[in-house]
Amino acid sequence: MCGRYRRTTQEEELARLYHIPIPKQTDLPISYNVAPSQKVLTIVSTRKHSSARSMHCSGEAGRGKTLPV
């Protein structure tokens, strides 16, 4: 079964919580039912740096070490 995600937090709040700049994304609206084929706002974190980017929601967060927000 495919996992589903939701994003209910505004970009400004995510930037404040994670202390990172959020790129302007006009094509990534708030969604209560993100499908695997849709792009999602994703926070990617390494030991040195964190950033936000647009990625396709594939449902395989454990493999890529990223989780959609």
Protein backbone atom coordinates (compact mmCIF):
# COMPACT_ATOMS: atom_id res chain seq x y z
CA MET A 1 0.00 0.00 0.00
CA CYS A 2 1.26 3.44 -0.89
CA GLY A 3 1.83 5.90 1.95
CA ARG A 4 0.26 9.34 1.85
CA TYR A 5 1.50 12.59 3.30
CA ARG A 6 -0.05 15.92 4.14
CA ARG A 7 1.45 19.36 4.42
CA THR A 8 -0.41 21.84 6.55
CA THR A 9 2.40 24.19 7.61
CA GLN A 10 3.11 27.43 5.75
CA GLU A 11 6.60 28.02 4.31
CA GLU A 12 7.23 30.90 6.73
CA GLU A 13 6.64 28.66 9.74
CA LEU A 14 8.92 25.93 8.34
CA ALA A 15 11.68 28.49 7.78
CA ARG A 16 11.34 29.65 11.39
CA LEU A 17 11.25 26.15 12.88
CA TYR A 18 14.18 24.74 10.89
CA HIS A 19 16.22 27.97 10.57
CA ILE A 20 16.54 27.59 6.80
CA PRO A 21 15.49 29.68 3.82
CA ILE A 22 12.51 28.27 1.95
CA PRO A 23 12.57 28.87 -1.81
CA LYS A 24 9.48 30.47 -3.28
CA GLN A 25 7.38 27.63 -4.66
CA THR A 26 4.16 28.71 -6.29
CA ASP A 27 3.41 25.15 -7.41
CA LEU A 28 3.57 23.53 -3.94
CA PRO A 29 0.35 24.47 -2.16
CA ILE A 30 -0.84 23.22 1.22
CA SER A 31 -2.28 19.74 0.69
CA TYR A 32 -4.13 17.34 2.96
CA ASN A 33 -3.59 14.42 0.57
CA VAL A 34 -0.22 14.48 -1.22
CA ALA A 35 -0.09 11.76 -3.87
CA PRO A 36 3.15 9.95 -4.80
CA SER A 37 3.18 11.62 -8.21
CA GLN A 38 3.13 15.15 -6.74
CA LYS A 39 6.08 17.34 -5.81
CA VAL A 40 6.44 18.17 -2.12
CA LEU A 41 8.51 20.61 -0.12
CA THR A 42 11.30 18.51 1.41
CA ILE A 43 13.87 19.44 4.04
CA VAL A 44 17.19 17.74 3.29
CA SER A 45 19.64 17.65 6.16
CA THR A 46 23.30 16.64 6.31
CA ARG A 47 25.74 17.01 9.19
CA LYS A 48 26.89 20.40 7.91
CA HIS A 49 23.88 21.89 6.19
CA SER A 50 20.11 21.81 5.82
CA SER A 51 18.07 23.06 2.90
CA ALA A 52 14.58 22.91 1.49
CA ARG A 53 13.79 21.81 -2.03
CA SER A 54 11.03 20.51 -4.20
CA MET A 55 11.06 16.74 -4.73
CA HIS A 56 8.64 14.12 -5.97
CA CYS A 57 6.89 12.26 -3.18
CA SER A 58 7.92 8.67 -3.84
CA GLY A 59 7.06 7.17 -0.46
CA GLU A 60 10.64 5.92 -0.02
CA ALA A 61 11.88 8.32 2.61
CA GLY A 62 13.95 5.70 4.43
CA ARG A 63 16.17 5.02 1.46
CA GLY A 64 17.00 8.62 0.60
CA LYS A 65 17.12 9.83 4.21
CA THR A 66 14.70 12.64 3.42
CA LEU A 67 11.20 13.18 4.71
CA PRO A 68 8.57 15.41 3.15
CA VAL A 69 7.24 18.15 5.35
